[in-house]
Amino acid sequence: MDERIRGKDVMGKTVVSKEGRKFGMVGDVTFDPSTGELLRLILANSTQYAKNLLGTELKIPFSAVVSIGDFVIVSEEDLV
């Protein structure tokens, strides 16, 4: 993903894996204040699947994001 993505562009979007598994919604983002680079998506309304995969952290590294449109699509391989 080469184009700049702003945090407000992903807030509230549903997060799903490439395989179609739902993780929850983007509740917040963390970013590097000096560069504005998005670092992590923090899930809200997370599914049991997400809790089992991610544990109590419920954070998805932005490097695992494959695409952003109507949904935020993530690669499960990049989460574990």
N, C-alpha and C. Protein backbone atom coordinates (compact mmCIF):
# COMPACT_ATOMS: atom_id res chain seq x y z
N MET A 1 0.85 -1.18 0.00
CA MET A 1 0.00 0.00 0.00
C MET A 1 0.89 1.24 0.00
N ASP A 2 0.91 1.93 -1.11
CA ASP A 2 1.81 3.05 -1.26
C ASP A 2 1.17 4.39 -0.92
N GLU A 3 -0.12 4.52 -1.14
CA GLU A 3 -0.74 5.82 -0.88
C GLU A 3 -0.93 6.05 0.61
N ARG A 4 -0.97 7.29 0.99
CA ARG A 4 -1.15 7.66 2.40
C ARG A 4 -2.57 7.37 2.85
N ILE A 5 -2.68 6.71 3.99
CA ILE A 5 -3.97 6.41 4.60
C ILE A 5 -4.03 7.19 5.91
N ARG A 6 -5.12 7.89 6.11
CA ARG A 6 -5.29 8.62 7.36
C ARG A 6 -6.12 7.77 8.32
N GLY A 7 -5.85 7.94 9.62
CA GLY A 7 -6.56 7.18 10.63
C GLY A 7 -8.06 7.33 10.54
N LYS A 8 -8.52 8.55 10.27
CA LYS A 8 -9.97 8.77 10.21
C LYS A 8 -10.61 8.03 9.04
N ASP A 9 -9.80 7.65 8.03
CA ASP A 9 -10.33 6.90 6.89
C ASP A 9 -10.65 5.45 7.22
N VAL A 10 -10.08 4.94 8.30
CA VAL A 10 -10.31 3.53 8.65
C VAL A 10 -11.18 3.35 9.90
N MET A 11 -11.37 4.41 10.66
CA MET A 11 -12.15 4.32 11.89
C MET A 11 -13.57 3.80 11.60
N GLY A 12 -13.99 2.81 12.38
CA GLY A 12 -15.34 2.28 12.27
C GLY A 12 -15.53 1.25 11.18
N LYS A 13 -14.52 1.01 10.35
CA LYS A 13 -14.65 0.01 9.27
C LYS A 13 -14.55 -1.39 9.86
N THR A 14 -15.22 -2.33 9.22
CA THR A 14 -15.16 -3.72 9.61
C THR A 14 -13.86 -4.32 9.12
N VAL A 15 -13.21 -5.09 10.00
CA VAL A 15 -11.94 -5.75 9.67
C VAL A 15 -12.22 -7.22 9.39
N VAL A 16 -11.79 -7.69 8.21
CA VAL A 16 -11.94 -9.09 7.83
C VAL A 16 -10.61 -9.59 7.27
N SER A 17 -10.43 -10.91 7.34
CA SER A 17 -9.23 -11.49 6.76
C SER A 17 -9.45 -11.76 5.28
N LYS A 18 -8.36 -12.04 4.57
CA LYS A 18 -8.46 -12.39 3.15
C LYS A 18 -9.35 -13.62 2.97
N GLU A 19 -9.39 -14.46 4.00
CA GLU A 19 -10.19 -15.69 3.96
C GLU A 19 -11.65 -15.43 4.30
N GLY A 20 -11.99 -14.20 4.65
CA GLY A 20 -13.38 -13.85 4.93
C GLY A 20 -13.79 -13.93 6.39
N ARG A 21 -12.84 -14.14 7.29
CA ARG A 21 -13.16 -14.21 8.72
C ARG A 21 -13.26 -12.80 9.30
N LYS A 22 -14.32 -12.55 10.02
CA LYS A 22 -14.53 -11.22 10.61
C LYS A 22 -13.76 -11.10 11.92
N PHE A 23 -13.10 -9.94 12.10
CA PHE A 23 -12.33 -9.68 13.31
C PHE A 23 -13.02 -8.69 14.23
N GLY A 24 -13.79 -7.78 13.68
CA GLY A 24 -14.43 -6.73 14.46
C GLY A 24 -14.38 -5.43 13.69
N MET A 25 -14.37 -4.32 14.42
CA MET A 25 -14.32 -3.01 13.79
C MET A 25 -13.07 -2.27 14.26
N VAL A 26 -12.63 -1.31 13.45
CA VAL A 26 -11.51 -0.46 13.87
C VAL A 26 -12.04 0.53 14.89
N GLY A 27 -11.56 0.41 16.13
CA GLY A 27 -11.99 1.30 17.19
C GLY A 27 -11.04 2.47 17.39
N ASP A 28 -9.77 2.23 17.05
CA ASP A 28 -8.76 3.28 17.21
C ASP A 28 -7.54 2.88 16.38
N VAL A 29 -6.62 3.81 16.24
CA VAL A 29 -5.36 3.53 15.54
C VAL A 29 -4.22 4.11 16.36
N THR A 30 -3.05 3.52 16.23
CA THR A 30 -1.86 4.12 16.81
C THR A 30 -0.97 4.53 15.64
N PHE A 31 -0.25 5.62 15.82
CA PHE A 31 0.59 6.12 14.75
C PHE A 31 1.84 6.77 15.32
N ASP A 32 2.82 6.94 14.47
CA ASP A 32 4.06 7.61 14.84
C ASP A 32 3.82 9.11 14.67
N PRO A 33 3.83 9.87 15.76
CA PRO A 33 3.51 11.30 15.66
C PRO A 33 4.51 12.10 14.82
N SER A 34 5.74 11.62 14.72
CA SER A 34 6.73 12.39 13.96
C SER A 34 6.56 12.22 12.45
N THR A 35 6.03 11.04 12.03
CA THR A 35 5.88 10.79 10.59
C THR A 35 4.43 10.70 10.15
N GLY A 36 3.53 10.45 11.10
CA GLY A 36 2.12 10.24 10.76
C GLY A 36 1.83 8.84 10.26
N GLU A 37 2.85 7.98 10.26
CA GLU A 37 2.68 6.61 9.78
C GLU A 37 1.78 5.82 10.72
N LEU A 38 0.78 5.12 10.16
CA LEU A 38 -0.08 4.26 10.96
C LEU A 38 0.70 3.03 11.38
N LEU A 39 0.62 2.68 12.66
CA LEU A 39 1.36 1.53 13.19
C LEU A 39 0.46 0.33 13.46
N ARG A 40 -0.68 0.57 14.12
CA ARG A 40 -1.57 -0.53 14.51
C ARG A 40 -3.03 -0.10 14.44
N LEU A 41 -3.87 -1.07 14.17
CA LEU A 41 -5.32 -0.89 14.28
C LEU A 41 -5.73 -1.54 15.59
N ILE A 42 -6.54 -0.87 16.36
CA ILE A 42 -7.04 -1.43 17.62
C ILE A 42 -8.50 -1.78 17.42
N LEU A 43 -8.81 -3.05 17.65
CA LEU A 43 -10.16 -3.54 17.39
C LEU A 43 -11.15 -3.15 18.47
N ALA A 44 -12.37 -2.92 18.04
CA ALA A 44 -13.52 -2.75 18.93
C ALA A 44 -14.56 -3.77 18.47
N ASN A 45 -15.45 -4.13 19.34
CA ASN A 45 -16.48 -5.12 19.00
C ASN A 45 -15.85 -6.36 18.36
N SER A 46 -14.75 -6.82 18.93
CA SER A 46 -14.01 -7.93 18.34
C SER A 46 -14.78 -9.24 18.46
N THR A 47 -14.57 -10.09 17.48
CA THR A 47 -15.22 -11.40 17.46
C THR A 47 -14.41 -12.37 18.32
N GLN A 48 -15.02 -13.49 18.64
CA GLN A 48 -14.32 -14.52 19.41
C GLN A 48 -13.13 -15.03 18.62
N TYR A 49 -13.27 -15.12 17.30
CA TYR A 49 -12.15 -15.57 16.46
C TYR A 49 -10.94 -14.65 16.64
N ALA A 50 -11.17 -13.34 16.62
CA ALA A 50 -10.08 -12.37 16.79
C ALA A 50 -9.45 -12.52 18.17
N LYS A 51 -10.27 -12.70 19.18
CA LYS A 51 -9.75 -12.86 20.54
C LYS A 51 -8.89 -14.10 20.65
N ASN A 52 -9.32 -15.20 20.00
CA ASN A 52 -8.55 -16.44 20.05
C ASN A 52 -7.22 -16.28 19.32
N LEU A 53 -7.21 -15.54 18.21
CA LEU A 53 -6.01 -15.39 17.40
C LEU A 53 -5.05 -14.35 17.99
N LEU A 54 -5.59 -13.24 18.48
CA LEU A 54 -4.76 -12.12 18.91
C LEU A 54 -4.55 -12.04 20.42
N GLY A 55 -5.32 -12.78 21.18
CA GLY A 55 -5.22 -12.70 22.64
C GLY A 55 -5.87 -11.43 23.15
N THR A 56 -5.38 -10.95 24.27
CA THR A 56 -6.01 -9.79 24.90
C THR A 56 -5.62 -8.46 24.27
N GLU A 57 -4.57 -8.45 23.45
CA GLU A 57 -4.09 -7.20 22.86
C GLU A 57 -5.08 -6.59 21.87
N LEU A 58 -5.64 -7.42 21.00
CA LEU A 58 -6.59 -6.97 19.98
C LEU A 58 -6.05 -5.83 19.13
N LYS A 59 -4.75 -5.92 18.81
CA LYS A 59 -4.10 -4.94 17.95
C LYS A 59 -3.60 -5.64 16.70
N ILE A 60 -3.80 -5.00 15.57
CA ILE A 60 -3.36 -5.55 14.29
C ILE A 60 -2.29 -4.62 13.73
N PRO A 61 -1.09 -5.16 13.47
CA PRO A 61 -0.06 -4.29 12.89
C PRO A 61 -0.50 -3.81 11.51
N PHE A 62 -0.24 -2.55 11.21
CA PHE A 62 -0.68 -2.00 9.93
C PHE A 62 0.00 -2.72 8.77
N SER A 63 1.14 -3.34 9.02
CA SER A 63 1.82 -4.10 7.97
C SER A 63 1.01 -5.30 7.50
N ALA A 64 0.03 -5.75 8.31
CA ALA A 64 -0.82 -6.88 7.93
C ALA A 64 -2.01 -6.46 7.08
N VAL A 65 -2.22 -5.15 6.92
CA VAL A 65 -3.35 -4.66 6.13
C VAL A 65 -3.03 -4.84 4.65
N VAL A 66 -3.95 -5.52 3.94
CA VAL A 66 -3.78 -5.78 2.52
C VAL A 66 -4.45 -4.69 1.70
N SER A 67 -5.67 -4.31 2.09
CA SER A 67 -6.37 -3.25 1.37
C SER A 67 -7.43 -2.61 2.26
N ILE A 68 -7.81 -1.40 1.86
CA ILE A 68 -8.83 -0.66 2.58
C ILE A 68 -9.83 -0.15 1.55
N GLY A 69 -11.08 -0.50 1.76
CA GLY A 69 -12.18 -0.04 0.92
C GLY A 69 -13.39 0.04 1.82
N ASP A 70 -14.44 -0.68 1.46
CA ASP A 70 -15.59 -0.77 2.34
C ASP A 70 -15.22 -1.50 3.63
N PHE A 71 -14.24 -2.39 3.52
CA PHE A 71 -13.72 -3.17 4.65
C PHE A 71 -12.22 -2.95 4.73
N VAL A 72 -11.65 -3.25 5.90
CA VAL A 72 -10.20 -3.33 6.04
C VAL A 72 -9.87 -4.82 5.94
N ILE A 73 -9.10 -5.18 4.94
CA ILE A 73 -8.75 -6.58 4.73
C ILE A 73 -7.32 -6.82 5.22
N VAL A 74 -7.18 -7.85 6.06
CA VAL A 74 -5.86 -8.15 6.63
C VAL A 74 -5.43 -9.56 6.25
N SER A 75 -4.13 -9.77 6.29
CA SER A 75 -3.55 -11.07 6.03
C SER A 75 -3.31 -11.79 7.35
N GLU A 76 -3.97 -12.92 7.55
CA GLU A 76 -3.80 -13.66 8.80
C GLU A 76 -2.38 -14.16 8.98
N GLU A 77 -1.69 -14.49 7.86
CA GLU A 77 -0.33 -14.99 7.95
C GLU A 77 0.59 -13.94 8.62
N ASP A 78 0.28 -12.68 8.42
CA ASP A 78 1.11 -11.61 8.96
C ASP A 78 0.77 -11.28 10.42
N LEU A 79 -0.22 -11.96 10.99
CA LEU A 79 -0.63 -11.70 12.37
C LEU A 79 0.02 -12.66 13.35
N VAL A 80 0.41 -13.83 12.89
CA VAL A 80 0.96 -14.84 13.79
C VAL A 80 2.42 -15.10 13.53
